[in-house]
Amino acid sequence: MHGPTPKKIHEELARLMREQVESLANRTYLGITPEELNLERKRLQRIREVSADYLEVLKALSRPSGEKQP
């Protein structure tokens, strides 16, 4: 398999999610600056990308050996 392992992808996704939850909690109590809002948007986009990558890797691992992608 090429690219990051499922474990590495999972770790990145978990880290991004923790950062997002912390950001949302801070926003609730402290407000948010335009810069922080931009970082949140970028982080959400990265969460979407990493989630898609993770699902693709899991899907590939669940295929029997030798079966090609559709």
Protein backbone atom coordinates (compact mmCIF):
# COMPACT_ATOMS: atom_id res chain seq x y z
CA MET A 1 0.00 0.00 0.00
CA HIS A 2 1.29 3.47 -0.85
CA GLY A 3 0.74 6.59 1.21
CA PRO A 4 -0.03 6.92 4.89
CA THR A 5 -1.17 3.92 6.88
CA PRO A 6 -4.72 3.70 8.24
CA LYS A 7 -3.29 4.32 11.72
CA LYS A 8 -1.55 7.55 10.62
CA ILE A 9 -4.68 8.78 8.86
CA HIS A 10 -6.76 7.96 11.95
CA GLU A 11 -4.29 9.81 14.19
CA GLU A 12 -4.42 12.91 11.98
CA LEU A 13 -8.21 12.83 11.91
CA ALA A 14 -8.39 12.44 15.69
CA ARG A 15 -5.98 15.35 16.18
CA LEU A 16 -7.94 17.60 13.82
CA MET A 17 -11.20 16.72 15.56
CA ARG A 18 -9.71 17.50 19.00
CA GLU A 19 -8.49 20.87 17.70
CA GLN A 20 -11.91 21.63 16.24
CA VAL A 21 -13.74 20.76 19.46
CA GLU A 22 -11.31 22.95 21.43
CA SER A 23 -11.82 25.79 18.97
CA LEU A 24 -15.60 25.53 19.25
CA ALA A 25 -15.41 25.52 23.05
CA ASN A 26 -13.16 28.58 23.01
CA ARG A 27 -15.48 30.33 20.58
CA THR A 28 -18.40 29.72 22.92
CA TYR A 29 -16.70 31.38 25.87
CA LEU A 30 -14.21 33.79 24.31
CA GLY A 31 -15.58 34.67 20.89
CA ILE A 32 -13.64 34.27 17.67
CA THR A 33 -11.41 36.48 15.56
CA PRO A 34 -11.54 36.50 11.76
CA GLU A 35 -8.18 34.69 11.72
CA GLU A 36 -9.47 31.96 14.03
CA LEU A 37 -12.59 31.60 11.92
CA ASN A 38 -10.43 31.16 8.83
CA LEU A 39 -8.37 28.49 10.62
CA GLU A 40 -11.59 26.70 11.59
CA ARG A 41 -12.76 26.70 7.98
CA LYS A 42 -9.43 25.34 6.76
CA ARG A 43 -9.43 22.69 9.48
CA LEU A 44 -12.96 21.59 8.56
CA GLN A 45 -11.89 21.25 4.92
CA ARG A 46 -8.91 19.15 5.99
CA ILE A 47 -11.19 17.00 8.19
CA ARG A 48 -13.33 16.31 5.12
CA GLU A 49 -10.28 15.40 3.03
CA VAL A 50 -8.75 13.13 5.67
CA SER A 51 -12.12 11.47 6.32
CA ALA A 52 -12.46 10.67 2.63
CA ASP A 53 -8.90 9.30 2.53
CA TYR A 54 -9.58 7.18 5.61
CA LEU A 55 -12.76 5.71 4.11
CA GLU A 56 -10.93 4.90 0.87
CA VAL A 57 -8.14 3.10 2.73
CA LEU A 58 -10.61 1.11 4.82
CA LYS A 59 -12.58 0.24 1.70
CA ALA A 60 -9.41 -0.92 -0.08
CA LEU A 61 -8.42 -3.05 2.90
CA SER A 62 -11.82 -4.72 2.97
CA ARG A 63 -11.56 -5.87 -0.68
CA PRO A 64 -10.35 -9.39 -1.33
CA SER A 65 -6.77 -9.53 -2.65
CA GLY A 66 -6.52 -8.91 -6.34
CA GLU A 67 -9.92 -7.28 -6.67
CA LYS A 68 -9.65 -4.00 -8.54
CA GLN A 69 -11.36 -0.75 -7.75
CA PRO A 70 -14.50 -0.01 -9.78
